[in-house]
């Protein structure tokens, strides 16, 4: 169940990117998102051991991870800093340890 939930990271990151103005929604992209959702829903339907607390913890974790990815994209694209991905990782890694 967890693996199928992780597929939603693509959707969440894309929607956050659209809200931040980094991506644009189009008909083709919307169709791909619906395809991913339908495929995941078919694979997960009938899950016997559903635990709401676990689902909520995973959903919050996914939201935080996708927001981190989008914020990294914002930092790499603009904001006065001209960072490559390795420099960004070097900059953000110590903050993740605390």
N, C-alpha and C. Protein backbone atom coordinates (compact mmCIF):
# COMPACT_ATOMS: atom_id res chain seq x y z
N UNK A 1 0.82 -1.19 0.00
CA UNK A 1 0.00 0.00 0.00
C UNK A 1 0.86 1.25 0.00
N UNK A 2 1.94 1.21 0.74
CA UNK A 2 2.85 2.36 0.83
C UNK A 2 3.45 2.69 -0.52
N UNK A 3 3.83 1.68 -1.29
CA UNK A 3 4.43 1.93 -2.59
C UNK A 3 3.45 2.61 -3.54
N UNK A 4 2.19 2.24 -3.45
CA UNK A 4 1.20 2.87 -4.31
C UNK A 4 0.91 4.30 -3.88
N UNK A 5 1.00 4.54 -2.58
CA UNK A 5 0.80 5.90 -2.09
C UNK A 5 1.93 6.81 -2.52
N UNK A 6 3.15 6.27 -2.60
CA UNK A 6 4.31 7.07 -2.99
C UNK A 6 4.19 7.57 -4.43
N UNK A 7 3.39 6.90 -5.26
CA UNK A 7 3.18 7.36 -6.63
C UNK A 7 2.52 8.73 -6.66
N UNK A 8 1.82 9.08 -5.61
CA UNK A 8 1.15 10.38 -5.56
C UNK A 8 2.15 11.52 -5.44
N UNK A 9 3.42 11.24 -5.13
CA UNK A 9 4.41 12.31 -5.04
C UNK A 9 4.53 13.07 -6.36
N UNK A 10 4.41 12.38 -7.47
CA UNK A 10 4.47 13.03 -8.78
C UNK A 10 3.34 14.05 -8.89
N UNK A 11 2.16 13.65 -8.49
CA UNK A 11 0.99 14.51 -8.58
C UNK A 11 1.10 15.68 -7.62
N UNK A 12 1.48 15.41 -6.39
CA UNK A 12 1.58 16.46 -5.38
C UNK A 12 2.64 17.49 -5.77
N UNK A 13 3.79 17.01 -6.20
CA UNK A 13 4.87 17.93 -6.60
C UNK A 13 4.44 18.78 -7.79
N UNK A 14 3.74 18.18 -8.74
CA UNK A 14 3.29 18.94 -9.91
C UNK A 14 2.27 20.00 -9.51
N UNK A 15 1.32 19.64 -8.65
CA UNK A 15 0.31 20.61 -8.23
C UNK A 15 0.92 21.76 -7.43
N UNK A 16 1.89 21.45 -6.56
CA UNK A 16 2.56 22.51 -5.81
C UNK A 16 3.36 23.40 -6.77
N UNK A 17 4.00 22.79 -7.77
CA UNK A 17 4.75 23.56 -8.76
C UNK A 17 3.82 24.48 -9.56
N UNK A 18 2.63 23.99 -9.88
CA UNK A 18 1.64 24.83 -10.57
C UNK A 18 1.22 26.00 -9.69
N UNK A 19 1.00 25.73 -8.40
CA UNK A 19 0.60 26.80 -7.47
C UNK A 19 1.72 27.82 -7.30
N UNK A 20 2.98 27.38 -7.38
CA UNK A 20 4.12 28.28 -7.23
C UNK A 20 4.46 29.00 -8.53
N UNK A 21 3.80 28.62 -9.62
CA UNK A 21 4.05 29.26 -10.90
C UNK A 21 5.24 28.70 -11.66
N UNK A 22 5.73 27.55 -11.25
CA UNK A 22 6.88 26.94 -11.92
C UNK A 22 6.46 26.05 -13.10
N UNK A 23 5.25 25.53 -13.07
CA UNK A 23 4.72 24.67 -14.12
C UNK A 23 3.37 25.21 -14.57
N UNK A 24 2.93 24.75 -15.74
CA UNK A 24 1.61 25.13 -16.25
C UNK A 24 0.78 23.87 -16.45
N UNK A 25 -0.48 23.95 -16.07
CA UNK A 25 -1.40 22.83 -16.24
C UNK A 25 -1.89 22.83 -17.69
N UNK A 26 -1.90 21.66 -18.30
CA UNK A 26 -2.43 21.51 -19.66
C UNK A 26 -3.33 20.28 -19.69
N UNK A 27 -4.03 20.13 -20.77
CA UNK A 27 -4.93 18.99 -20.91
C UNK A 27 -4.20 17.66 -20.91
N UNK A 28 -3.05 17.61 -21.57
CA UNK A 28 -2.27 16.38 -21.62
C UNK A 28 -1.74 16.02 -20.23
N UNK A 29 -1.22 17.02 -19.52
CA UNK A 29 -0.69 16.77 -18.18
C UNK A 29 -1.81 16.35 -17.23
N UNK A 30 -2.97 16.96 -17.35
CA UNK A 30 -4.11 16.57 -16.52
C UNK A 30 -4.52 15.13 -16.81
N UNK A 31 -4.50 14.76 -18.08
CA UNK A 31 -4.82 13.38 -18.46
C UNK A 31 -3.84 12.38 -17.86
N UNK A 32 -2.56 12.73 -17.86
CA UNK A 32 -1.54 11.86 -17.27
C UNK A 32 -1.77 11.71 -15.77
N UNK A 33 -2.10 12.82 -15.10
CA UNK A 33 -2.37 12.76 -13.66
C UNK A 33 -3.57 11.87 -13.35
N UNK A 34 -4.62 12.00 -14.14
CA UNK A 34 -5.81 11.16 -13.94
C UNK A 34 -5.46 9.70 -14.17
N UNK A 35 -4.63 9.42 -15.18
CA UNK A 35 -4.20 8.05 -15.46
C UNK A 35 -3.45 7.45 -14.28
N UNK A 36 -2.56 8.24 -13.68
CA UNK A 36 -1.80 7.77 -12.51
C UNK A 36 -2.75 7.49 -11.34
N UNK A 37 -3.69 8.39 -11.10
CA UNK A 37 -4.64 8.22 -9.99
C UNK A 37 -5.49 6.97 -10.19
N UNK A 38 -6.01 6.79 -11.40
CA UNK A 38 -6.85 5.63 -11.67
C UNK A 38 -6.06 4.32 -11.53
N UNK A 39 -4.84 4.29 -12.03
CA UNK A 39 -4.01 3.09 -11.91
C UNK A 39 -3.72 2.75 -10.46
N UNK A 40 -3.40 3.77 -9.67
CA UNK A 40 -3.13 3.54 -8.25
C UNK A 40 -4.39 3.09 -7.52
N UNK A 41 -5.52 3.70 -7.84
CA UNK A 41 -6.77 3.33 -7.17
C UNK A 41 -7.15 1.89 -7.48
N UNK A 42 -6.92 1.45 -8.71
CA UNK A 42 -7.25 0.06 -9.06
C UNK A 42 -6.33 -0.91 -8.33
N UNK A 43 -5.07 -0.53 -8.16
CA UNK A 43 -4.12 -1.42 -7.50
C UNK A 43 -4.37 -1.51 -6.00
N UNK A 44 -4.90 -0.44 -5.40
CA UNK A 44 -5.05 -0.39 -3.95
C UNK A 44 -6.44 -0.83 -3.51
N UNK A 45 -7.42 -0.80 -4.38
CA UNK A 45 -8.78 -1.16 -3.96
C UNK A 45 -8.79 -2.58 -3.43
N UNK A 46 -9.40 -2.75 -2.30
CA UNK A 46 -9.45 -4.05 -1.66
C UNK A 46 -8.36 -4.28 -0.63
N UNK A 47 -7.62 -3.24 -0.28
CA UNK A 47 -6.58 -3.37 0.75
C UNK A 47 -7.25 -3.74 2.07
N UNK A 48 -6.81 -4.81 2.68
CA UNK A 48 -7.46 -5.35 3.86
C UNK A 48 -6.99 -4.66 5.13
N UNK A 49 -5.73 -4.32 5.23
CA UNK A 49 -5.15 -3.80 6.46
C UNK A 49 -4.94 -2.29 6.39
N UNK A 50 -6.01 -1.55 6.23
CA UNK A 50 -5.92 -0.09 6.14
C UNK A 50 -5.91 0.50 7.55
N UNK A 51 -4.92 1.34 7.84
CA UNK A 51 -4.80 2.01 9.13
C UNK A 51 -4.79 3.51 8.87
N UNK A 52 -5.79 4.20 9.40
CA UNK A 52 -5.94 5.64 9.13
C UNK A 52 -4.75 6.44 9.62
N UNK A 53 -4.23 6.12 10.82
CA UNK A 53 -3.09 6.87 11.35
C UNK A 53 -1.86 6.75 10.44
N UNK A 54 -1.60 5.56 9.97
CA UNK A 54 -0.48 5.35 9.06
C UNK A 54 -0.66 6.10 7.76
N UNK A 55 -1.89 6.10 7.26
CA UNK A 55 -2.20 6.83 6.03
C UNK A 55 -1.96 8.32 6.21
N UNK A 56 -2.41 8.88 7.34
CA UNK A 56 -2.24 10.31 7.59
C UNK A 56 -0.77 10.68 7.78
N UNK A 57 -0.02 9.87 8.51
CA UNK A 57 1.41 10.12 8.67
C UNK A 57 2.12 10.12 7.31
N UNK A 58 1.79 9.15 6.48
CA UNK A 58 2.42 9.06 5.16
C UNK A 58 2.01 10.25 4.29
N UNK A 59 0.75 10.67 4.35
CA UNK A 59 0.29 11.80 3.55
C UNK A 59 1.01 13.09 3.94
N UNK A 60 1.17 13.33 5.24
CA UNK A 60 1.89 14.52 5.71
C UNK A 60 3.35 14.44 5.29
N UNK A 61 3.94 13.26 5.38
CA UNK A 61 5.33 13.09 4.97
C UNK A 61 5.51 13.36 3.48
N UNK A 62 4.60 12.88 2.67
CA UNK A 62 4.67 13.11 1.24
C UNK A 62 4.51 14.59 0.91
N UNK A 63 3.60 15.26 1.57
CA UNK A 63 3.39 16.68 1.34
C UNK A 63 4.66 17.47 1.68
N UNK A 64 5.28 17.15 2.81
CA UNK A 64 6.50 17.84 3.22
C UNK A 64 7.64 17.56 2.23
N UNK A 65 7.78 16.34 1.77
CA UNK A 65 8.83 16.00 0.81
C UNK A 65 8.63 16.74 -0.51
N UNK A 66 7.40 16.79 -0.99
CA UNK A 66 7.13 17.47 -2.25
C UNK A 66 7.34 18.97 -2.12
N UNK A 67 6.99 19.53 -0.98
CA UNK A 67 7.25 20.95 -0.77
C UNK A 67 8.75 21.23 -0.73
N UNK A 68 9.53 20.32 -0.15
CA UNK A 68 10.98 20.47 -0.13
C UNK A 68 11.55 20.46 -1.55
N UNK A 69 11.05 19.56 -2.38
CA UNK A 69 11.52 19.46 -3.75
C UNK A 69 11.20 20.73 -4.53
N UNK A 70 9.97 21.24 -4.37
CA UNK A 70 9.58 22.45 -5.10
C UNK A 70 10.34 23.66 -4.58
N UNK A 71 10.55 23.76 -3.27
CA UNK A 71 11.34 24.87 -2.75
C UNK A 71 12.77 24.81 -3.26
N UNK A 72 13.32 23.61 -3.41
CA UNK A 72 14.64 23.46 -3.99
C UNK A 72 14.68 23.95 -5.42
N UNK A 73 13.63 23.66 -6.17
CA UNK A 73 13.54 24.13 -7.55
C UNK A 73 13.47 25.65 -7.61
N UNK A 74 12.73 26.25 -6.68
CA UNK A 74 12.64 27.71 -6.63
C UNK A 74 14.02 28.30 -6.34
N UNK A 75 14.74 27.73 -5.40
CA UNK A 75 16.07 28.23 -5.05
C UNK A 75 17.04 28.07 -6.22
N UNK A 76 16.95 26.93 -6.91
CA UNK A 76 17.87 26.70 -8.02
C UNK A 76 17.57 27.59 -9.22
N UNK A 77 16.30 27.95 -9.44
CA UNK A 77 15.93 28.74 -10.61
C UNK A 77 16.08 30.24 -10.40
N UNK A 78 15.95 30.71 -9.19
CA UNK A 78 15.98 32.16 -9.01
C UNK A 78 16.28 32.53 -7.59
N UNK A 79 15.79 33.67 -7.18
CA UNK A 79 16.00 34.13 -5.82
C UNK A 79 17.38 34.73 -5.61
N UNK A 80 18.08 35.08 -6.69
CA UNK A 80 19.38 35.71 -6.53
C UNK A 80 20.52 34.73 -6.35
N UNK A 81 20.23 33.49 -6.02
CA UNK A 81 21.28 32.47 -5.86
C UNK A 81 21.40 31.68 -7.16
N UNK A 82 22.58 31.49 -7.62
CA UNK A 82 22.81 30.71 -8.83
C UNK A 82 23.49 29.40 -8.42
N UNK A 83 22.67 28.44 -8.00
CA UNK A 83 23.20 27.18 -7.47
C UNK A 83 22.95 26.03 -8.43
N UNK A 84 23.91 25.15 -8.54
CA UNK A 84 23.70 23.89 -9.24
C UNK A 84 23.16 22.88 -8.22
N UNK A 85 22.65 21.73 -8.66
CA UNK A 85 22.06 20.77 -7.71
C UNK A 85 23.01 20.31 -6.60
N UNK A 86 24.30 20.13 -6.91
CA UNK A 86 25.24 19.67 -5.88
C UNK A 86 25.46 20.76 -4.82
N UNK A 87 25.57 22.01 -5.24
CA UNK A 87 25.73 23.11 -4.28
C UNK A 87 24.49 23.27 -3.42
N UNK A 88 23.33 23.09 -4.04
CA UNK A 88 22.08 23.17 -3.27
C UNK A 88 22.04 22.09 -2.20
N UNK A 89 22.44 20.87 -2.55
CA UNK A 89 22.45 19.77 -1.58
C UNK A 89 23.43 20.06 -0.46
N UNK A 90 24.59 20.61 -0.81
CA UNK A 90 25.58 20.96 0.20
C UNK A 90 25.04 22.04 1.14
N UNK A 91 24.26 22.96 0.61
CA UNK A 91 23.68 24.04 1.40
C UNK A 91 22.56 23.53 2.30
N UNK A 92 21.71 22.64 1.82
CA UNK A 92 20.51 22.24 2.57
C UNK A 92 20.75 21.04 3.48
N UNK A 93 21.74 20.20 3.21
CA UNK A 93 21.97 18.98 3.99
C UNK A 93 22.20 19.24 5.48
N UNK A 94 23.03 20.22 5.87
CA UNK A 94 23.19 20.44 7.33
C UNK A 94 21.90 20.86 8.02
N UNK A 95 21.02 21.56 7.32
CA UNK A 95 19.74 21.96 7.92
C UNK A 95 18.84 20.76 8.15
N UNK A 96 18.99 19.72 7.35
CA UNK A 96 18.16 18.53 7.52
C UNK A 96 18.58 17.69 8.72
N UNK A 97 19.81 17.84 9.17
CA UNK A 97 20.28 17.07 10.32
C UNK A 97 19.75 17.62 11.63
N UNK A 98 19.45 18.89 11.69
CA UNK A 98 19.03 19.53 12.94
C UNK A 98 17.63 19.33 13.20
